[in-house]
Amino acid sequence: MYLEHFGFREEPFRMTPDPAFFFPSKQHRAAVAGLIYLVEFRKGFGIMTGGIGTGKTMLCRILLSRLGDDTRTALVVHPPRKRGDLLQAIMDEFEIPDSGGGTYKRIERIQRYLIEQLNSGQNVVLIIDEAQHLDSTVLEEVRMLSNMETEKEKILQIILVGQEELRDKMASDVLYQLRQRVVVNCHLEPFSFNDTCEYIQHRVDVAGLPGVEIFDLDAVHRIHEFSGGVPRLINAACDRALLAEYAQRNGHVTAETTQSVLMEFERLNVAAGANGNGKKMALATR
């Protein structure tokens, strides 16, 4: 609704992880570099963690977009939690035929597939998202997969992606052997205030207004305080603020309008909490 009013070519703060809007903060650049190193040098096993909305899905998309044609990839977005089902999901993603059998038969078939890919010059990458939901027995299957290697290199590169609970889970004694295999371990923190300023301007630039400062500095301060530096919440706040200024036919986002929008966010969350549906409403508005 507000695109033509402000002169945007496209929505600057959409909630989907569009690689075209990737903001290369220092920590995000380091994470991408580490994961590409892991894959290209066949180092085997890596972990990426971060709070909800800190950009993990975006980084997965960036990583996949930067891998060459000599790399086969599989992304398991919602991994099953039952022992054996994860292996089946991996086989489905790589289109490996399943002729029945238990865990070791599945691992044998995956290994055969990986050797075939190695012999044809292909690298193989497995990304498991929402990995904080996997229990120790399923993660033990991941450890068994991480054992697949030649004398010189790993034949399967595994990246676990998850929320902060995954870090706690990996620190347990039960997963000591798996933890030993971690070569790249990156964690995404919320943005600093300076990062928030640059992030907002970056998205405005990419959306078609390079160098145009749509948001007053005080408005950015309020957005940063509200969001805690979490990109997803920054996007939600900025989008609503632009819509509110459009309704008033203003040409830039002021602190007053921003504060009014953020207060409405809070009212919605409080009301949802009173109705016993606080979590759902918080996610919907953030």
Protein backbone atom coordinates (compact mmCIF):
# COMPACT_ATOMS: atom_id res chain seq x y z
CA MET A 1 0.00 0.00 0.00
CA TYR A 2 2.76 2.47 0.87
CA LEU A 3 5.22 1.57 -1.94
CA GLU A 4 4.17 4.24 -4.42
CA HIS A 5 3.75 6.86 -1.68
CA PHE A 6 7.38 6.57 -0.55
CA GLY A 7 8.81 5.55 -3.93
CA PHE A 8 9.84 1.98 -3.11
CA ARG A 9 10.30 -0.50 -5.93
CA GLU A 10 9.35 -3.42 -3.65
CA GLU A 11 8.50 -4.10 -0.03
CA PRO A 12 11.57 -3.27 2.09
CA PHE A 13 10.57 -5.14 5.24
CA ARG A 14 8.80 -8.29 4.10
CA MET A 15 9.07 -11.17 6.56
CA THR A 16 10.30 -13.81 4.11
CA PRO A 17 14.05 -14.64 3.97
CA ASP A 18 14.83 -13.06 0.59
CA PRO A 19 18.60 -13.34 -0.16
CA ALA A 20 18.40 -10.10 -2.16
CA PHE A 21 17.96 -8.27 1.17
CA PHE A 22 20.76 -10.08 3.00
CA PHE A 23 22.47 -7.66 5.38
CA PRO A 24 26.14 -8.63 5.74
CA SER A 25 26.77 -7.70 9.37
CA LYS A 26 30.12 -8.74 10.81
CA GLN A 27 28.71 -11.80 12.56
CA HIS A 28 26.67 -12.87 9.53
CA ARG A 29 29.68 -12.56 7.24
CA ALA A 30 31.72 -14.65 9.66
CA ALA A 31 29.00 -17.31 9.84
CA VAL A 32 28.69 -17.57 6.06
CA ALA A 33 32.48 -17.74 5.66
CA GLY A 34 32.73 -20.48 8.28
CA LEU A 35 29.98 -22.58 6.71
CA ILE A 36 31.39 -22.23 3.20
CA TYR A 37 34.80 -23.27 4.55
CA LEU A 38 33.18 -26.29 6.18
CA VAL A 39 31.57 -27.35 2.92
CA GLU A 40 34.29 -26.56 0.39
CA PHE A 41 37.08 -28.14 2.43
CA ARG A 42 34.89 -31.09 3.44
CA LYS A 43 35.40 -30.63 7.16
CA GLY A 44 32.33 -32.64 8.11
CA PHE A 45 30.32 -31.07 10.89
CA GLY A 46 29.11 -27.62 11.87
CA ILE A 47 26.48 -25.94 14.03
CA MET A 48 24.67 -22.62 13.64
CA THR A 49 22.49 -21.37 16.49
CA GLY A 50 20.61 -18.21 17.31
CA GLY A 51 17.41 -16.91 18.83
CA ILE A 52 14.10 -16.80 16.96
CA GLY A 53 14.24 -14.27 14.13
CA THR A 54 18.01 -13.67 14.17
CA GLY A 55 18.51 -14.73 10.54
CA LYS A 56 19.36 -18.44 10.58
CA THR A 57 17.04 -19.28 7.69
CA MET A 58 18.39 -16.38 5.66
CA LEU A 59 21.95 -17.64 6.17
CA CYS A 60 20.94 -21.12 5.04
CA ARG A 61 19.56 -19.59 1.84
CA ILE A 62 22.73 -17.55 1.33
CA LEU A 63 24.91 -20.61 1.85
CA LEU A 64 22.90 -22.70 -0.61
CA SER A 65 23.02 -19.92 -3.21
CA ARG A 66 26.83 -19.79 -3.04
CA LEU A 67 27.51 -23.48 -3.51
CA GLY A 68 28.54 -24.68 -6.96
CA ASP A 69 27.07 -27.24 -9.30
CA ASP A 70 29.46 -29.83 -7.87
CA THR A 71 27.56 -29.82 -4.56
CA ARG A 72 24.41 -31.77 -3.83
CA THR A 73 22.33 -30.42 -0.96
CA ALA A 74 19.44 -31.54 1.20
CA LEU A 75 17.56 -29.33 3.65
CA VAL A 76 15.45 -31.05 6.30
CA VAL A 77 13.29 -28.20 7.62
CA HIS A 78 11.16 -30.01 10.21
CA PRO A 79 13.16 -33.07 11.26
CA PRO A 80 11.19 -36.00 12.66
CA ARG A 81 11.91 -36.75 16.29
CA LYS A 82 11.54 -40.53 16.23
CA ARG A 83 14.63 -42.73 15.92
CA GLY A 84 14.96 -43.97 12.34
CA ASP A 85 12.60 -41.40 10.87
CA LEU A 86 15.35 -38.81 10.43
CA LEU A 87 17.37 -41.25 8.32
CA GLN A 88 14.28 -41.87 6.23
CA ALA A 89 13.76 -38.12 5.79
CA ILE A 90 17.39 -37.75 4.67
CA MET A 91 16.99 -40.57 2.16
CA ASP A 92 13.84 -38.91 0.83
CA GLU A 93 15.61 -35.57 0.39
CA PHE A 94 18.51 -37.17 -1.51
CA GLU A 95 16.08 -39.43 -3.40
CA ILE A 96 17.81 -42.58 -2.17
CA PRO A 97 15.63 -45.68 -2.77
CA ASP A 98 14.50 -47.44 0.41
CA SER A 99 14.03 -51.19 0.27
CA GLY A 100 13.23 -51.61 3.96
CA GLY A 101 15.36 -52.54 6.92
CA GLY A 102 16.39 -50.86 10.14
CA THR A 103 18.79 -48.10 11.10
CA TYR A 104 21.98 -49.76 9.95
CA LYS A 105 20.49 -50.70 6.57
CA ARG A 106 19.50 -47.08 6.02
CA ILE A 107 22.95 -45.85 7.01
CA GLU A 108 24.48 -48.40 4.64
CA ARG A 109 22.37 -47.11 1.76
CA ILE A 110 23.23 -43.49 2.57
CA GLN A 111 26.91 -44.38 2.68
CA ARG A 112 26.68 -46.14 -0.68
CA TYR A 113 25.04 -43.04 -2.15
CA LEU A 114 27.75 -40.78 -0.72
CA ILE A 115 30.52 -42.91 -2.18
CA GLU A 116 28.81 -42.80 -5.57
CA GLN A 117 28.66 -38.99 -5.35
CA LEU A 118 32.31 -38.80 -4.29
CA ASN A 119 33.38 -40.95 -7.24
CA SER A 120 31.48 -38.66 -9.61
CA GLY A 121 33.15 -35.55 -8.19
CA GLN A 122 30.20 -34.34 -6.12
CA ASN A 123 30.28 -32.95 -2.60
CA VAL A 124 27.21 -33.63 -0.42
CA VAL A 125 25.74 -31.27 2.19
CA LEU A 126 22.98 -32.01 4.69
CA ILE A 127 21.35 -29.12 6.58
CA ILE A 128 19.00 -29.99 9.44
CA ASP A 129 16.92 -27.03 10.62
CA GLU A 130 15.10 -26.80 13.98
CA ALA A 131 17.67 -29.27 15.31
CA GLN A 132 16.99 -28.22 18.91
CA HIS A 133 14.00 -30.57 18.80
CA LEU A 134 16.13 -33.66 18.19
CA ASP A 135 16.73 -35.84 21.24
CA SER A 136 20.01 -37.56 22.06
CA THR A 137 19.05 -40.85 20.39
CA VAL A 138 18.33 -39.13 17.07
CA LEU A 139 21.46 -37.00 17.37
CA GLU A 140 23.39 -40.23 17.84
CA GLU A 141 22.25 -41.17 14.33
CA VAL A 142 23.67 -37.85 13.15
CA ARG A 143 26.97 -38.79 14.81
CA MET A 144 27.01 -42.08 12.94
CA LEU A 145 26.54 -40.20 9.67
CA SER A 146 29.36 -37.82 10.58
CA ASN A 147 31.71 -40.83 10.76
CA MET A 148 31.52 -41.34 7.00
CA GLU A 149 34.88 -40.40 5.53
CA THR A 150 37.79 -41.42 3.38
CA GLU A 151 41.40 -41.34 4.55
CA LYS A 152 41.60 -37.67 3.56
CA GLU A 153 38.15 -36.09 3.84
CA LYS A 154 34.57 -36.31 4.99
CA ILE A 155 32.11 -37.51 2.37
CA LEU A 156 29.10 -35.87 4.04
CA GLN A 157 29.04 -32.30 5.36
CA ILE A 158 26.43 -31.85 8.09
CA ILE A 159 25.14 -28.54 9.43
CA LEU A 160 22.77 -28.46 12.41
CA VAL A 161 20.72 -25.27 12.65
CA GLY A 162 18.69 -24.48 15.72
CA GLN A 163 17.65 -22.16 18.49
CA GLU A 164 19.73 -21.53 21.60
CA GLU A 165 18.49 -24.74 23.23
CA LEU A 166 20.63 -26.66 20.75
CA ARG A 167 23.77 -25.21 22.35
CA ASP A 168 22.65 -26.45 25.76
CA LYS A 169 21.82 -29.86 24.35
CA MET A 170 25.19 -30.18 22.65
CA ALA A 171 26.95 -29.32 25.92
CA SER A 172 25.56 -32.43 27.64
CA ASP A 173 27.85 -35.35 28.48
CA VAL A 174 25.69 -37.70 26.42
CA LEU A 175 26.70 -35.89 23.22
CA TYR A 176 30.39 -35.61 24.00
CA GLN A 177 31.42 -37.68 20.96
CA LEU A 178 29.27 -35.63 18.62
CA ARG A 179 30.54 -32.37 20.11
CA GLN A 180 34.13 -33.45 19.40
CA ARG A 181 33.33 -33.52 15.69
CA VAL A 182 32.21 -29.88 15.48
CA VAL A 183 34.56 -27.90 13.25
CA VAL A 184 32.49 -24.74 12.75
CA ASN A 185 30.30 -23.42 15.57
CA CYS A 186 28.62 -20.07 14.97
CA HIS A 187 26.00 -18.26 17.05
CA LEU A 188 23.91 -15.31 15.88
CA GLU A 189 23.32 -12.54 18.41
CA PRO A 190 20.75 -9.74 18.05
CA PHE A 191 21.97 -6.56 16.36
CA SER A 192 23.62 -3.70 18.18
CA PHE A 193 22.04 -0.28 17.75
CA ASN A 194 24.54 0.62 15.01
CA ASP A 195 23.76 -2.63 13.22
CA THR A 196 20.05 -1.88 13.48
CA CYS A 197 20.58 1.53 11.88
CA GLU A 198 22.60 0.04 9.04
CA TYR A 199 20.18 -2.87 8.62
CA ILE A 200 17.16 -0.59 8.20
CA GLN A 201 18.98 1.67 5.75
CA HIS A 202 20.28 -1.35 3.82
CA ARG A 203 16.75 -2.64 3.25
CA VAL A 204 15.54 0.81 2.24
CA ASP A 205 18.43 1.00 -0.25
CA VAL A 206 17.75 -2.43 -1.75
CA ALA A 207 14.02 -1.71 -2.02
CA GLY A 208 14.70 1.19 -4.37
CA LEU A 209 15.64 4.26 -2.34
CA PRO A 210 19.46 4.19 -2.03
CA GLY A 211 20.75 6.81 0.38
CA VAL A 212 17.29 8.09 1.31
CA GLU A 213 16.84 8.29 5.09
CA ILE A 214 13.15 7.49 5.56
CA PHE A 215 13.41 6.77 9.30
CA ASP A 216 14.25 9.51 11.81
CA LEU A 217 17.07 8.54 14.18
CA ASP A 218 14.76 8.70 17.21
CA ALA A 219 12.36 6.35 15.44
CA VAL A 220 15.19 3.88 14.90
CA HIS A 221 16.07 4.14 18.61
CA ARG A 222 12.53 3.15 19.54
CA ILE A 223 12.49 0.29 17.01
CA HIS A 224 15.77 -1.04 18.36
CA GLU A 225 14.54 -0.92 21.95
CA PHE A 226 11.31 -2.68 21.02
CA SER A 227 12.96 -5.38 18.89
CA GLY A 228 16.02 -5.99 21.02
CA GLY A 229 17.96 -6.04 17.76
CA VAL A 230 16.13 -9.09 16.38
CA PRO A 231 15.81 -8.67 12.58
CA ARG A 232 12.36 -10.25 12.32
CA LEU A 233 10.94 -7.84 14.91
CA ILE A 234 12.72 -4.91 13.27
CA ASN A 235 11.00 -5.81 9.99
CA ALA A 236 7.58 -6.01 11.63
CA ALA A 237 8.00 -2.66 13.40
CA CYS A 238 9.34 -0.86 10.33
CA ASP A 239 6.60 -2.20 8.08
CA ARG A 240 3.84 -1.06 10.44
CA ALA A 241 5.50 2.33 10.94
CA LEU A 242 5.68 2.92 7.18
CA LEU A 243 2.02 1.96 6.84
CA ALA A 244 1.05 4.36 9.63
CA GLU A 245 2.96 7.25 8.05
CA TYR A 246 1.38 6.47 4.67
CA ALA A 247 -2.06 6.71 6.27
CA GLN A 248 -1.11 10.20 7.50
CA ARG A 249 0.47 11.08 4.13
CA ASN A 250 3.83 11.80 5.76
CA GLY A 251 7.06 11.45 3.82
CA HIS A 252 9.20 9.96 6.58
CA VAL A 253 8.87 7.88 9.75
CA THR A 254 8.85 9.90 12.97
CA ALA A 255 9.50 8.84 16.54
CA GLU A 256 5.95 9.79 17.53
CA THR A 257 4.31 7.56 14.93
CA THR A 258 6.73 4.74 15.68
CA GLN A 259 5.98 4.92 19.39
CA SER A 260 2.25 4.77 18.66
CA VAL A 261 2.73 1.70 16.46
CA LEU A 262 4.86 -0.06 19.07
CA MET A 263 2.33 0.68 21.80
CA GLU A 264 -0.30 -1.00 19.63
CA PHE A 265 1.96 -4.05 19.35
CA GLU A 266 2.15 -4.19 23.12
CA ARG A 267 -1.61 -3.76 23.55
CA LEU A 268 -2.23 -6.65 21.18
CA ASN A 269 0.19 -8.86 23.08
CA VAL A 270 -1.28 -7.95 26.46
CA ALA A 271 -4.81 -8.59 25.17
CA ALA A 272 -3.76 -11.91 23.69
CA GLY A 273 -2.14 -12.87 26.97
CA ALA A 274 -5.34 -12.10 28.83
CA ASN A 275 -7.16 -14.42 26.44
CA GLY A 276 -4.67 -17.20 27.09
CA ASN A 277 -3.24 -16.95 23.58
CA GLY A 278 -0.26 -14.72 24.18
CA LYS A 279 2.32 -16.82 22.40
CA LYS A 280 0.28 -17.12 19.23
CA MET A 281 -0.51 -13.42 19.10
CA ALA A 282 3.08 -12.45 19.81
CA LEU A 283 4.24 -14.52 16.87
CA ALA A 284 1.52 -13.14 14.65
CA THR A 285 2.35 -9.52 15.41
CA ARG A 286 6.10 -9.96 15.50
